[in-house]
C-alpha cells in the first residue's frame, strides 16, 4: 500500500541517536517508527492540553 508521507532529516548528536536506538529496541520498533510514534504522542498530548492545532492543508 503506497503512502503519501513527507520525509525530513534530523540532525542529532551520536549520544541522542544512540539513546533513541536503545528506546526503539526496547519497544521492538525501528528508530524511524519510534521517532514517528513519539512525535504523534506528543502532538496528541499538546492538543489535549491546548486544543486542536490548525494547519493549512495544501490543495
PDB file of N, CA and C in Angstrom:
ATOM      1  N   UNK A   1       0.850  -1.178   0.000  1.00  0.00           N
ATOM      2  CA  UNK A   1       0.000   0.000   0.000  1.00  0.00           C
ATOM      3  C   UNK A   1       0.893   1.237   0.000  1.00  0.00           C
ATOM      4  N   UNK A   2       0.722   2.103  -0.950  1.00  0.00           N
ATOM      5  CA  UNK A   2       1.510   3.330  -1.054  1.00  0.00           C
ATOM      6  C   UNK A   2       1.037   4.356  -0.033  1.00  0.00           C
ATOM      7  N   UNK A   3       1.980   5.103   0.475  1.00  0.00           N
ATOM      8  CA  UNK A   3       1.642   6.172   1.421  1.00  0.00           C
ATOM      9  C   UNK A   3       2.127   7.495   0.879  1.00  0.00           C
ATOM     10  N   UNK A   4       1.482   8.543   1.315  1.00  0.00           N
ATOM     11  CA  UNK A   4       1.875   9.884   0.906  1.00  0.00           C
ATOM     12  C   UNK A   4       2.387  10.604   2.153  1.00  0.00           C
ATOM     13  N   UNK A   5       3.653  10.373   2.485  1.00  0.00           N
ATOM     14  CA  UNK A   5       4.244  10.960   3.677  1.00  0.00           C
ATOM     15  C   UNK A   5       5.445  11.798   3.297  1.00  0.00           C
ATOM     16  N   UNK A   6       5.617  12.883   4.005  1.00  0.00           N
ATOM     17  CA  UNK A   6       6.793  13.721   3.809  1.00  0.00           C
ATOM     18  C   UNK A   6       7.958  13.142   4.603  1.00  0.00           C
ATOM     19  N   UNK A   7       9.147  13.411   4.137  1.00  0.00           N
ATOM     20  CA  UNK A   7      10.349  12.914   4.768  1.00  0.00           C
ATOM     21  C   UNK A   7      11.251  14.102   5.087  1.00  0.00           C
ATOM     22  N   UNK A   8      11.892  14.057   6.255  1.00  0.00           N
ATOM     23  CA  UNK A   8      12.847  15.095   6.593  1.00  0.00           C
ATOM     24  C   UNK A   8      14.010  14.493   7.357  1.00  0.00           C
ATOM     25  N   UNK A   9      15.089  15.248   7.452  1.00  0.00           N
ATOM     26  CA  UNK A   9      16.297  14.780   8.102  1.00  0.00           C
ATOM     27  C   UNK A   9      16.404  15.389   9.491  1.00  0.00           C
ATOM     28  N   UNK A  10      16.824  14.598  10.447  1.00  0.00           N
ATOM     29  CA  UNK A  10      17.102  15.091  11.792  1.00  0.00           C
ATOM     30  C   UNK A  10      18.613  15.151  11.984  1.00  0.00           C
ATOM     31  N   UNK A  11      19.077  16.227  12.582  1.00  0.00           N
ATOM     32  CA  UNK A  11      20.491  16.330  12.921  1.00  0.00           C
ATOM     33  C   UNK A  11      20.608  16.086  14.420  1.00  0.00           C
ATOM     34  N   UNK A  12      21.088  14.910  14.778  1.00  0.00           N
ATOM     35  CA  UNK A  12      21.179  14.509  16.174  1.00  0.00           C
ATOM     36  C   UNK A  12      22.622  14.168  16.519  1.00  0.00           C
ATOM     37  N   UNK A  13      22.990  14.442  17.763  1.00  0.00           N
ATOM     38  CA  UNK A  13      24.311  14.017  18.218  1.00  0.00           C
ATOM     39  C   UNK A  13      24.331  12.486  18.284  1.00  0.00           C
ATOM     40  N   UNK A  14      25.516  11.923  18.269  1.00  0.00           N
ATOM     41  CA  UNK A  14      25.637  10.463  18.366  1.00  0.00           C
ATOM     42  C   UNK A  14      24.996   9.955  19.649  1.00  0.00           C
ATOM     43  N   UNK A  15      25.157  10.691  20.745  1.00  0.00           N
ATOM     44  CA  UNK A  15      24.594  10.263  22.017  1.00  0.00           C
ATOM     45  C   UNK A  15      23.071  10.187  21.959  1.00  0.00           C
ATOM     46  N   UNK A  16      22.434  11.216  21.414  1.00  0.00           N
ATOM     47  CA  UNK A  16      20.972  11.225  21.304  1.00  0.00           C
ATOM     48  C   UNK A  16      20.521  10.116  20.361  1.00  0.00           C
ATOM     49  N   UNK A  17      21.206   9.971  19.240  1.00  0.00           N
ATOM     50  CA  UNK A  17      20.884   8.925  18.271  1.00  0.00           C
ATOM     51  C   UNK A  17      20.940   7.544  18.936  1.00  0.00           C
ATOM     52  N   UNK A  18      22.004   7.305  19.698  1.00  0.00           N
ATOM     53  CA  UNK A  18      22.162   6.016  20.365  1.00  0.00           C
ATOM     54  C   UNK A  18      21.082   5.785  21.421  1.00  0.00           C
ATOM     55  N   UNK A  19      20.720   6.829  22.165  1.00  0.00           N
ATOM     56  CA  UNK A  19      19.672   6.697  23.180  1.00  0.00           C
ATOM     57  C   UNK A  19      18.329   6.368  22.538  1.00  0.00           C
ATOM     58  N   UNK A  20      18.016   7.022  21.426  1.00  0.00           N
ATOM     59  CA  UNK A  20      16.775   6.721  20.711  1.00  0.00           C
ATOM     60  C   UNK A  20      16.805   5.279  20.221  1.00  0.00           C
ATOM     61  N   UNK A  21      17.958   4.835  19.759  1.00  0.00           N
ATOM     62  CA  UNK A  21      18.104   3.455  19.309  1.00  0.00           C
ATOM     63  C   UNK A  21      17.810   2.459  20.423  1.00  0.00           C
ATOM     64  N   UNK A  22      18.288   2.744  21.631  1.00  0.00           N
ATOM     65  CA  UNK A  22      18.029   1.865  22.771  1.00  0.00           C
ATOM     66  C   UNK A  22      16.536   1.826  23.080  1.00  0.00           C
ATOM     67  N   UNK A  23      15.893   3.001  23.132  1.00  0.00           N
ATOM     68  CA  UNK A  23      14.459   3.053  23.416  1.00  0.00           C
ATOM     69  C   UNK A  23      13.653   2.339  22.337  1.00  0.00           C
ATOM     70  N   UNK A  24      14.022   2.550  21.081  1.00  0.00           N
ATOM     71  CA  UNK A  24      13.316   1.892  19.977  1.00  0.00           C
ATOM     72  C   UNK A  24      13.443   0.374  20.087  1.00  0.00           C
ATOM     73  N   UNK A  25      14.639  -0.095  20.380  1.00  0.00           N
ATOM     74  CA  UNK A  25      14.852  -1.539  20.532  1.00  0.00           C
ATOM     75  C   UNK A  25      14.020  -2.090  21.673  1.00  0.00           C
ATOM     76  N   UNK A  26      13.967  -1.366  22.793  1.00  0.00           N
ATOM     77  CA  UNK A  26      13.166  -1.815  23.939  1.00  0.00           C
ATOM     78  C   UNK A  26      11.687  -1.909  23.598  1.00  0.00           C
ATOM     79  N   UNK A  27      11.222  -1.082  22.673  1.00  0.00           N
ATOM     80  CA  UNK A  27       9.822  -1.081  22.243  1.00  0.00           C
ATOM     81  C   UNK A  27       9.589  -1.977  21.022  1.00  0.00           C
ATOM     82  N   UNK A  28      10.638  -2.654  20.573  1.00  0.00           N
ATOM     83  CA  UNK A  28      10.576  -3.526  19.389  1.00  0.00           C
ATOM     84  C   UNK A  28      10.102  -2.751  18.155  1.00  0.00           C
ATOM     85  N   UNK A  29      10.648  -1.557  17.980  1.00  0.00           N
ATOM     86  CA  UNK A  29      10.317  -0.709  16.834  1.00  0.00           C
ATOM     87  C   UNK A  29      11.612  -0.310  16.122  1.00  0.00           C
ATOM     88  N   UNK A  30      11.471   0.072  14.854  1.00  0.00           N
ATOM     89  CA  UNK A  30      12.609   0.679  14.169  1.00  0.00           C
ATOM     90  C   UNK A  30      12.785   2.087  14.728  1.00  0.00           C
ATOM     91  N   UNK A  31      13.956   2.656  14.522  1.00  0.00           N
ATOM     92  CA  UNK A  31      14.175   4.025  15.012  1.00  0.00           C
ATOM     93  C   UNK A  31      13.204   4.993  14.352  1.00  0.00           C
ATOM     94  N   UNK A  32      13.014   4.852  13.058  1.00  0.00           N
ATOM     95  CA  UNK A  32      12.106   5.741  12.340  1.00  0.00           C
ATOM     96  C   UNK A  32      10.689   5.618  12.892  1.00  0.00           C
ATOM     97  N   UNK A  33      10.235   4.402  13.075  1.00  0.00           N
ATOM     98  CA  UNK A  33       8.900   4.176  13.602  1.00  0.00           C
ATOM     99  C   UNK A  33       8.772   4.714  15.026  1.00  0.00           C
ATOM    100  N   UNK A  34       9.811   4.547  15.836  1.00  0.00           N
ATOM    101  CA  UNK A  34       9.770   5.034  17.214  1.00  0.00           C
ATOM    102  C   UNK A  34       9.713   6.562  17.259  1.00  0.00           C
ATOM    103  N   UNK A  35      10.515   7.226  16.447  1.00  0.00           N
ATOM    104  CA  UNK A  35      10.501   8.692  16.407  1.00  0.00           C
ATOM    105  C   UNK A  35       9.128   9.183  15.964  1.00  0.00           C
ATOM    106  N   UNK A  36       8.559   8.557  14.940  1.00  0.00           N
ATOM    107  CA  UNK A  36       7.215   8.916  14.483  1.00  0.00           C
ATOM    108  C   UNK A  36       6.195   8.727  15.602  1.00  0.00           C
ATOM    109  N   UNK A  37       6.267   7.610  16.304  1.00  0.00           N
ATOM    110  CA  UNK A  37       5.365   7.310  17.413  1.00  0.00           C
ATOM    111  C   UNK A  37       5.462   8.373  18.510  1.00  0.00           C
ATOM    112  N   UNK A  38       6.683   8.726  18.899  1.00  0.00           N
ATOM    113  CA  UNK A  38       6.893   9.711  19.964  1.00  0.00           C
ATOM    114  C   UNK A  38       6.344  11.081  19.546  1.00  0.00           C
ATOM    115  N   UNK A  39       6.588  11.490  18.318  1.00  0.00           N
ATOM    116  CA  UNK A  39       6.080  12.784  17.847  1.00  0.00           C
ATOM    117  C   UNK A  39       4.557  12.809  17.818  1.00  0.00           C
ATOM    118  N   UNK A  40       3.936  11.743  17.353  1.00  0.00           N
ATOM    119  CA  UNK A  40       2.474  11.682  17.313  1.00  0.00           C
ATOM    120  C   UNK A  40       1.900  11.731  18.725  1.00  0.00           C
ATOM    121  N   UNK A  41       2.521  10.988  19.650  1.00  0.00           N
ATOM    122  CA  UNK A  41       2.062  11.011  21.041  1.00  0.00           C
ATOM    123  C   UNK A  41       2.171  12.422  21.622  1.00  0.00           C
ATOM    124  N   UNK A  42       3.259  13.109  21.313  1.00  0.00           N
ATOM    125  CA  UNK A  42       3.448  14.476  21.808  1.00  0.00           C
ATOM    126  C   UNK A  42       2.391  15.421  21.230  1.00  0.00           C
ATOM    127  N   UNK A  43       2.132  15.318  19.934  1.00  0.00           N
ATOM    128  CA  UNK A  43       1.104  16.152  19.313  1.00  0.00           C
ATOM    129  C   UNK A  43      -0.258  15.914  19.957  1.00  0.00           C
ATOM    130  N   UNK A  44      -0.586  14.662  20.208  1.00  0.00           N
ATOM    131  CA  UNK A  44      -1.869  14.348  20.857  1.00  0.00           C
ATOM    132  C   UNK A  44      -1.944  14.955  22.253  1.00  0.00           C
ATOM    133  N   UNK A  45      -0.841  14.913  22.990  1.00  0.00           N
ATOM    134  CA  UNK A  45      -0.799  15.482  24.341  1.00  0.00           C
ATOM    135  C   UNK A  45      -0.979  16.997  24.295  1.00  0.00           C
ATOM    136  N   UNK A  46      -0.284  17.654  23.388  1.00  0.00           N
ATOM    137  CA  UNK A  46      -0.392  19.112  23.262  1.00  0.00           C
ATOM    138  C   UNK A  46      -1.807  19.510  22.873  1.00  0.00           C
ATOM    139  N   UNK A  47      -2.405  18.793  21.915  1.00  0.00           N
ATOM    140  CA  UNK A  47      -3.771  19.115  21.500  1.00  0.00           C
ATOM    141  C   UNK A  47      -4.769  18.867  22.630  1.00  0.00           C
ATOM    142  N   UNK A  48      -4.525  17.875  23.442  1.00  0.00           N
ATOM    143  CA  UNK A  48      -5.400  17.613  24.580  1.00  0.00           C
ATOM    144  C   UNK A  48      -5.342  18.775  25.576  1.00  0.00           C
ATOM    145  N   UNK A  49      -4.149  19.328  25.771  1.00  0.00           N
ATOM    146  CA  UNK A  49      -3.953  20.415  26.725  1.00  0.00           C
ATOM    147  C   UNK A  49      -4.376  21.774  26.172  1.00  0.00           C
ATOM    148  N   UNK A  50      -4.111  22.026  24.890  1.00  0.00           N
ATOM    149  CA  UNK A  50      -4.284  23.367  24.312  1.00  0.00           C
ATOM    150  C   UNK A  50      -5.359  23.466  23.248  1.00  0.00           C
ATOM    151  N   UNK A  51      -5.873  22.340  22.798  1.00  0.00           N
ATOM    152  CA  UNK A  51      -6.849  22.354  21.713  1.00  0.00           C
ATOM    153  C   UNK A  51      -6.205  21.999  20.392  1.00  0.00           C
ATOM    154  N   UNK A  52      -7.052  21.776  19.415  1.00  0.00           N
ATOM    155  CA  UNK A  52      -6.595  21.338  18.091  1.00  0.00           C
ATOM    156  C   UNK A  52      -5.630  22.340  17.472  1.00  0.00           C
ATOM    157  N   UNK A  53      -4.590  21.822  16.874  1.00  0.00           N
ATOM    158  CA  UNK A  53      -3.604  22.625  16.145  1.00  0.00           C
ATOM    159  C   UNK A  53      -4.124  22.775  14.721  1.00  0.00           C
ATOM    160  N   UNK A  54      -4.405  23.998  14.330  1.00  0.00           N
ATOM    161  CA  UNK A  54      -4.914  24.245  12.981  1.00  0.00           C
ATOM    162  C   UNK A  54      -3.769  24.346  11.993  1.00  0.00           C
ATOM    163  N   UNK A  55      -3.912  23.650  10.879  1.00  0.00           N
ATOM    164  CA  UNK A  55      -2.929  23.705   9.802  1.00  0.00           C
ATOM    165  C   UNK A  55      -3.630  24.082   8.515  1.00  0.00           C
ATOM    166  N   UNK A  56      -2.879  24.640   7.611  1.00  0.00           N
ATOM    167  CA  UNK A  56      -3.434  24.935   6.291  1.00  0.00           C
ATOM    168  C   UNK A  56      -3.080  23.763   5.392  1.00  0.00           C
ATOM    169  N   UNK A  57      -4.086  23.093   4.876  1.00  0.00           N
ATOM    170  CA  UNK A  57      -3.884  21.943   4.007  1.00  0.00           C
ATOM    171  C   UNK A  57      -3.595  22.392   2.592  1.00  0.00           C
ATOM    172  N   UNK A  58      -2.640  21.735   1.952  1.00  0.00           N
ATOM    173  CA  UNK A  58      -2.329  22.008   0.544  1.00  0.00           C
ATOM    174  C   UNK A  58      -3.410  21.392  -0.324  1.00  0.00           C
ATOM    175  N   UNK A  59      -3.791  22.083  -1.352  1.00  0.00           N
ATOM    176  CA  UNK A  59      -4.831  21.556  -2.258  1.00  0.00           C
ATOM    177  C   UNK A  59      -4.234  21.055  -3.529  1.00  0.00           C
TER     178      UNK A  59
END
